[in-house]
Structures are given as structure tokens and as C-alpha cells.
């Protein structure tokens, strides 16, 4: 069995969820109240993360600690909610006429992709 570096796996998962949330390391570090350089070291697997720091990161990323530490899968149905929330957040920032156009385009794309 191959040796698993748990620090690297945790760092990869943090980076994965950070990117899903379209956050830079600076934005995540500031929002979580942790040192940005330390966050970078955690993501690279060079530093271990404490449970307190992990909790802060998970709260900003809107993911449970158990989901973040689930190394078996990256994309679950629950994770798709992150994408949905991201789309909703972007649409909510638009004027209503633009939001309606984007929603129409989005539905056309879904219909093209999921034609049965």
C-alpha cells in the first residue's frame, strides 16, 4: 500500500474547495483570520493544520470538516450545491433584466447538455 502524506491530502482538499469558492489564498486567509503564508504552507502539505484552524477554514468554505477530510471523492452531489450557490450569488448581483437573460441562457445550456 502506498504511503499517504495526510498533510498533502488535507492541503489538496483545502485548495480544491478554495478554488470552487473562487477565493484566493489571501481572501481565504483574511476571512478565516489565519496567516496567509501559513495557509500557503498548509495547502502545499508542508505544515500541519490544527483542528481550530481547520474549523475556521471550513466555515469560510462552507464545507464540513468531515466532507473536507473525505479523501475518497472530490465531486459529490452535496458539492454541486457549491456550484449552484456560486451561480445564484452571481445572478443576485445583477440587475433583474440581465439576471433574466442569464437564467434563460443557463437553462438553454442545461437543455442542450441533458437532451434525452
N, C-alpha and C. Protein backbone atom coordinates (compact mmCIF):
# COMPACT_ATOMS: atom_id res chain seq x y z
N UNK A 1 0.85 -1.19 0.00
CA UNK A 1 0.00 0.00 0.00
C UNK A 1 0.89 1.25 0.00
N UNK A 2 0.56 2.21 -0.84
CA UNK A 2 1.36 3.43 -0.95
C UNK A 2 1.22 4.28 0.30
N UNK A 3 2.31 4.93 0.64
CA UNK A 3 2.32 5.80 1.81
C UNK A 3 1.57 7.09 1.46
N UNK A 4 0.65 7.47 2.32
CA UNK A 4 -0.16 8.66 2.10
C UNK A 4 0.34 9.77 3.01
N UNK A 5 0.62 10.93 2.44
CA UNK A 5 1.01 12.08 3.23
C UNK A 5 -0.27 12.85 3.56
N UNK A 6 -0.73 12.70 4.80
CA UNK A 6 -2.00 13.30 5.21
C UNK A 6 -1.98 14.82 5.10
N UNK A 7 -0.84 15.43 5.37
CA UNK A 7 -0.76 16.89 5.26
C UNK A 7 -0.98 17.33 3.82
N UNK A 8 -0.43 16.59 2.87
CA UNK A 8 -0.63 16.94 1.46
C UNK A 8 -2.08 16.74 1.05
N UNK A 9 -2.69 15.65 1.50
CA UNK A 9 -4.08 15.38 1.16
C UNK A 9 -5.01 16.48 1.70
N UNK A 10 -4.78 16.88 2.95
CA UNK A 10 -5.60 17.94 3.54
C UNK A 10 -5.38 19.24 2.77
N UNK A 11 -4.14 19.54 2.45
CA UNK A 11 -3.84 20.75 1.69
C UNK A 11 -4.51 20.75 0.33
N UNK A 12 -4.50 19.60 -0.34
CA UNK A 12 -5.16 19.49 -1.65
C UNK A 12 -6.65 19.74 -1.53
N UNK A 13 -7.25 19.21 -0.49
CA UNK A 13 -8.70 19.38 -0.29
C UNK A 13 -9.04 20.84 0.01
N UNK A 14 -8.22 21.49 0.83
CA UNK A 14 -8.46 22.90 1.13
C UNK A 14 -8.36 23.72 -0.16
N UNK A 15 -7.33 23.47 -0.94
CA UNK A 15 -7.15 24.18 -2.21
C UNK A 15 -8.33 23.91 -3.15
N UNK A 16 -8.77 22.66 -3.22
CA UNK A 16 -9.91 22.28 -4.05
C UNK A 16 -11.15 23.10 -3.70
N UNK A 17 -11.51 23.15 -2.42
CA UNK A 17 -12.70 23.88 -2.01
C UNK A 17 -12.49 25.40 -2.11
N UNK A 18 -11.27 25.86 -1.90
CA UNK A 18 -11.00 27.29 -2.05
C UNK A 18 -11.24 27.71 -3.49
N UNK A 19 -10.78 26.89 -4.43
CA UNK A 19 -10.96 27.23 -5.84
C UNK A 19 -12.42 27.13 -6.27
N UNK A 20 -13.15 26.16 -5.73
CA UNK A 20 -14.58 26.06 -6.02
C UNK A 20 -15.29 27.35 -5.59
N UNK A 21 -14.84 27.89 -4.45
CA UNK A 21 -15.44 29.11 -3.93
C UNK A 21 -14.85 30.37 -4.55
N UNK A 22 -13.97 30.17 -5.55
CA UNK A 22 -13.36 31.29 -6.26
C UNK A 22 -12.67 32.28 -5.32
N UNK A 23 -11.93 31.73 -4.37
CA UNK A 23 -11.20 32.55 -3.40
C UNK A 23 -9.70 32.41 -3.62
N UNK A 24 -9.00 33.49 -3.44
CA UNK A 24 -7.54 33.43 -3.43
C UNK A 24 -7.10 33.00 -2.03
N UNK A 25 -5.84 32.65 -1.90
CA UNK A 25 -5.32 32.34 -0.57
C UNK A 25 -5.44 33.55 0.35
N UNK A 26 -5.22 34.72 -0.20
CA UNK A 26 -5.33 35.95 0.60
C UNK A 26 -6.75 36.12 1.11
N UNK A 27 -7.73 35.95 0.23
CA UNK A 27 -9.13 36.11 0.63
C UNK A 27 -9.54 35.08 1.68
N UNK A 28 -9.13 33.83 1.48
CA UNK A 28 -9.46 32.80 2.46
C UNK A 28 -8.77 33.07 3.78
N UNK A 29 -7.49 33.42 3.74
CA UNK A 29 -6.75 33.70 4.97
C UNK A 29 -7.36 34.84 5.76
N UNK A 30 -7.70 35.91 5.07
CA UNK A 30 -8.31 37.06 5.74
C UNK A 30 -9.67 36.71 6.33
N UNK A 31 -10.48 36.02 5.55
CA UNK A 31 -11.83 35.67 6.01
C UNK A 31 -11.79 34.70 7.18
N UNK A 32 -10.80 33.80 7.18
CA UNK A 32 -10.70 32.80 8.25
C UNK A 32 -9.88 33.32 9.43
N UNK A 33 -9.23 34.45 9.25
CA UNK A 33 -8.41 35.02 10.33
C UNK A 33 -7.14 34.22 10.59
N UNK A 34 -6.57 33.70 9.50
CA UNK A 34 -5.31 32.96 9.66
C UNK A 34 -4.23 33.58 8.77
N UNK A 35 -2.99 33.36 9.15
CA UNK A 35 -1.85 33.90 8.43
C UNK A 35 -1.83 33.34 7.01
N UNK A 36 -1.70 34.22 6.04
CA UNK A 36 -1.76 33.82 4.64
C UNK A 36 -0.58 32.93 4.26
N UNK A 37 0.60 33.24 4.76
CA UNK A 37 1.77 32.40 4.47
C UNK A 37 1.57 31.00 5.06
N UNK A 38 1.00 30.94 6.25
CA UNK A 38 0.74 29.66 6.89
C UNK A 38 -0.27 28.85 6.06
N UNK A 39 -1.30 29.52 5.55
CA UNK A 39 -2.29 28.86 4.70
C UNK A 39 -1.61 28.28 3.47
N UNK A 40 -0.71 29.02 2.87
CA UNK A 40 0.03 28.53 1.71
C UNK A 40 0.82 27.27 2.03
N UNK A 41 1.45 27.27 3.20
CA UNK A 41 2.21 26.10 3.63
C UNK A 41 1.31 24.90 3.90
N UNK A 42 0.12 25.17 4.44
CA UNK A 42 -0.85 24.09 4.68
C UNK A 42 -1.29 23.49 3.34
N UNK A 43 -1.62 24.35 2.38
CA UNK A 43 -2.07 23.85 1.07
C UNK A 43 -0.99 23.04 0.36
N UNK A 44 0.26 23.38 0.60
CA UNK A 44 1.37 22.63 -0.02
C UNK A 44 1.71 21.36 0.75
N UNK A 45 1.07 21.17 1.90
CA UNK A 45 1.34 19.98 2.70
C UNK A 45 2.62 20.06 3.50
N UNK A 46 3.13 21.26 3.67
CA UNK A 46 4.37 21.45 4.42
C UNK A 46 4.14 21.69 5.89
N UNK A 47 2.94 22.14 6.22
CA UNK A 47 2.58 22.40 7.62
C UNK A 47 1.30 21.65 7.96
N UNK A 48 1.24 21.17 9.18
CA UNK A 48 0.02 20.52 9.66
C UNK A 48 -0.98 21.60 10.06
N UNK A 49 -2.22 21.28 9.95
CA UNK A 49 -3.28 22.22 10.32
C UNK A 49 -3.91 21.74 11.63
N UNK A 50 -4.14 22.68 12.53
CA UNK A 50 -4.82 22.33 13.79
C UNK A 50 -6.31 22.21 13.52
N UNK A 51 -7.00 21.56 14.41
CA UNK A 51 -8.45 21.40 14.25
C UNK A 51 -9.14 22.76 14.34
N UNK A 52 -8.61 23.66 15.14
CA UNK A 52 -9.19 25.01 15.26
C UNK A 52 -9.05 25.75 13.94
N UNK A 53 -7.87 25.70 13.34
CA UNK A 53 -7.65 26.37 12.06
C UNK A 53 -8.48 25.72 10.96
N UNK A 54 -8.55 24.39 10.98
CA UNK A 54 -9.36 23.67 10.00
C UNK A 54 -10.82 24.08 10.11
N UNK A 55 -11.31 24.24 11.32
CA UNK A 55 -12.69 24.68 11.54
C UNK A 55 -12.92 26.06 10.95
N UNK A 56 -11.98 26.98 11.16
CA UNK A 56 -12.11 28.33 10.60
C UNK A 56 -12.15 28.29 9.07
N UNK A 57 -11.26 27.49 8.49
CA UNK A 57 -11.21 27.37 7.03
C UNK A 57 -12.51 26.78 6.50
N UNK A 58 -12.98 25.73 7.13
CA UNK A 58 -14.21 25.07 6.67
C UNK A 58 -15.42 25.99 6.75
N UNK A 59 -15.48 26.82 7.77
CA UNK A 59 -16.61 27.75 7.89
C UNK A 59 -16.62 28.73 6.73
N UNK A 60 -15.45 29.24 6.36
CA UNK A 60 -15.38 30.18 5.24
C UNK A 60 -15.72 29.47 3.93
N UNK A 61 -15.27 28.24 3.79
CA UNK A 61 -15.50 27.48 2.56
C UNK A 61 -16.89 26.83 2.51
N UNK A 62 -17.63 26.96 3.61
CA UNK A 62 -18.98 26.39 3.71
C UNK A 62 -18.98 24.89 3.41
N UNK A 63 -18.06 24.19 4.07
CA UNK A 63 -17.95 22.75 3.94
C UNK A 63 -17.68 22.18 5.33
N UNK A 64 -18.23 21.03 5.62
CA UNK A 64 -17.99 20.43 6.93
C UNK A 64 -16.58 19.86 6.97
N UNK A 65 -16.06 19.73 8.17
CA UNK A 65 -14.74 19.13 8.33
C UNK A 65 -14.75 17.70 7.79
N UNK A 66 -15.82 16.97 8.07
CA UNK A 66 -15.88 15.59 7.60
C UNK A 66 -15.87 15.51 6.07
N UNK A 67 -16.54 16.43 5.41
CA UNK A 67 -16.54 16.44 3.94
C UNK A 67 -15.16 16.81 3.41
N UNK A 68 -14.53 17.79 4.03
CA UNK A 68 -13.20 18.19 3.59
C UNK A 68 -12.20 17.04 3.75
N UNK A 69 -12.36 16.26 4.81
CA UNK A 69 -11.44 15.16 5.07
C UNK A 69 -11.85 13.86 4.39
N UNK A 70 -12.89 13.90 3.57
CA UNK A 70 -13.31 12.73 2.81
C UNK A 70 -12.44 12.65 1.56
N UNK A 71 -11.39 11.85 1.63
CA UNK A 71 -10.43 11.77 0.53
C UNK A 71 -10.88 10.82 -0.58
N UNK A 72 -11.98 10.13 -0.38
CA UNK A 72 -12.43 9.14 -1.35
C UNK A 72 -12.97 9.78 -2.62
N UNK A 73 -13.72 10.87 -2.47
CA UNK A 73 -14.31 11.51 -3.64
C UNK A 73 -14.10 13.01 -3.55
N UNK A 74 -14.07 13.64 -4.70
CA UNK A 74 -13.99 15.09 -4.75
C UNK A 74 -15.33 15.68 -5.12
N UNK A 75 -16.03 15.01 -6.02
CA UNK A 75 -17.28 15.58 -6.52
C UNK A 75 -18.44 14.71 -6.07
N UNK A 76 -19.18 15.23 -5.13
CA UNK A 76 -20.38 14.54 -4.68
C UNK A 76 -21.57 15.43 -5.00
N UNK A 77 -22.75 14.87 -4.86
CA UNK A 77 -23.95 15.66 -5.12
C UNK A 77 -23.98 16.87 -4.19
N UNK A 78 -23.56 16.68 -2.92
CA UNK A 78 -23.54 17.79 -1.98
C UNK A 78 -22.61 18.90 -2.47
N UNK A 79 -21.48 18.52 -3.07
CA UNK A 79 -20.54 19.52 -3.56
C UNK A 79 -21.12 20.33 -4.69
N UNK A 80 -22.06 19.76 -5.44
CA UNK A 80 -22.69 20.51 -6.52
C UNK A 80 -23.43 21.72 -5.99
N UNK A 81 -23.86 21.67 -4.73
CA UNK A 81 -24.53 22.83 -4.13
C UNK A 81 -23.61 24.04 -4.11
N UNK A 82 -22.31 23.81 -4.01
CA UNK A 82 -21.36 24.92 -4.04
C UNK A 82 -21.46 25.64 -5.37
N UNK A 83 -21.56 24.87 -6.46
CA UNK A 83 -21.67 25.48 -7.79
C UNK A 83 -22.99 26.23 -7.94
N UNK A 84 -24.05 25.64 -7.45
CA UNK A 84 -25.36 26.27 -7.52
C UNK A 84 -25.35 27.59 -6.75
N UNK A 85 -24.79 27.55 -5.54
CA UNK A 85 -24.72 28.77 -4.73
C UNK A 85 -23.87 29.84 -5.39
N UNK A 86 -22.81 29.43 -6.06
CA UNK A 86 -21.95 30.37 -6.76
C UNK A 86 -22.71 31.06 -7.89
N UNK A 87 -23.48 30.28 -8.64
CA UNK A 87 -24.28 30.84 -9.74
C UNK A 87 -25.35 31.77 -9.21
N UNK A 88 -26.03 31.35 -8.17
CA UNK A 88 -27.08 32.19 -7.57
C UNK A 88 -26.50 33.49 -7.06
N UNK A 89 -25.35 33.41 -6.40
CA UNK A 89 -24.71 34.61 -5.88
C UNK A 89 -24.38 35.60 -6.99
N UNK A 90 -23.85 35.09 -8.10
CA UNK A 90 -23.51 35.95 -9.23
C UNK A 90 -24.77 36.57 -9.84
N UNK A 91 -25.82 35.78 -10.00
CA UNK A 91 -27.06 36.28 -10.59
C UNK A 91 -27.71 37.32 -9.68
N UNK A 92 -27.65 37.10 -8.37
CA UNK A 92 -28.26 38.05 -7.43
C UNK A 92 -27.59 39.41 -7.46
N UNK A 93 -26.38 39.49 -7.97
CA UNK A 93 -25.67 40.78 -8.04
C UNK A 93 -26.02 41.56 -9.31
N UNK A 94 -26.75 40.93 -10.21
CA UNK A 94 -27.08 41.55 -11.50
C UNK A 94 -28.41 42.29 -11.43
N UNK A 95 -28.56 43.29 -12.30
CA UNK A 95 -29.89 43.90 -12.45
C UNK A 95 -30.85 42.81 -12.95
N UNK A 96 -32.12 42.96 -12.61
CA UNK A 96 -33.09 41.90 -12.89
C UNK A 96 -33.20 41.55 -14.38
N UNK A 97 -33.10 42.54 -15.28
CA UNK A 97 -33.21 42.22 -16.70
C UNK A 97 -32.03 41.38 -17.18
N UNK A 98 -30.82 41.67 -16.68
CA UNK A 98 -29.65 40.86 -17.03
C UNK A 98 -29.74 39.48 -16.40
N UNK A 99 -30.22 39.43 -15.16
CA UNK A 99 -30.36 38.14 -14.47
C UNK A 99 -31.30 37.22 -15.23
N UNK A 100 -32.37 37.80 -15.75
CA UNK A 100 -33.34 37.01 -16.52
C UNK A 100 -32.69 36.44 -17.79
N UNK A 101 -31.88 37.26 -18.47
CA UNK A 101 -31.20 36.79 -19.68
C UNK A 101 -30.21 35.66 -19.35
N UNK A 102 -29.47 35.84 -18.28
CA UNK A 102 -28.51 34.81 -17.88
C UNK A 102 -29.23 33.52 -17.51
N UNK A 103 -30.34 33.63 -16.80
CA UNK A 103 -31.11 32.44 -16.42
C UNK A 103 -31.62 31.72 -17.67
N UNK A 104 -32.08 32.48 -18.67
CA UNK A 104 -32.56 31.87 -19.92
C UNK A 104 -31.42 31.14 -20.64
N UNK A 105 -30.26 31.78 -20.71
CA UNK A 105 -29.10 31.15 -21.36
C UNK A 105 -28.69 29.90 -20.60
N UNK A 106 -28.67 30.00 -19.29
CA UNK A 106 -28.29 28.86 -18.45
C UNK A 106 -29.23 27.68 -18.69
N UNK A 107 -30.51 27.95 -18.76
CA UNK A 107 -31.49 26.88 -18.99
C UNK A 107 -31.32 26.27 -20.39
N UNK A 108 -30.98 27.09 -21.37
CA UNK A 108 -30.73 26.57 -22.71
C UNK A 108 -29.52 25.63 -22.70
N UNK A 109 -28.49 26.00 -21.98
CA UNK A 109 -27.30 25.15 -21.87
C UNK A 109 -27.66 23.82 -21.20
N UNK A 110 -28.41 23.89 -20.13
CA UNK A 110 -28.82 22.66 -19.43
C UNK A 110 -29.62 21.77 -20.37
N UNK A 111 -30.53 22.36 -21.12
CA UNK A 111 -31.34 21.58 -22.06
C UNK A 111 -30.49 20.95 -23.17
N UNK A 112 -29.44 21.65 -23.61
CA UNK A 112 -28.53 21.08 -24.61
C UNK A 112 -27.72 19.92 -24.06
N UNK A 113 -27.26 20.08 -22.83
CA UNK A 113 -26.41 19.07 -22.21
C UNK A 113 -27.22 17.84 -21.82
N UNK A 114 -28.42 18.04 -21.35
CA UNK A 114 -29.23 16.94 -20.85
C UNK A 114 -30.40 16.59 -21.76
N UNK A 115 -30.20 16.70 -23.06
CA UNK A 115 -31.23 16.31 -24.02
C UNK A 115 -31.41 14.80 -23.92
N UNK A 116 -32.66 14.39 -23.78
CA UNK A 116 -32.93 12.95 -23.63
C UNK A 116 -33.61 12.40 -24.84
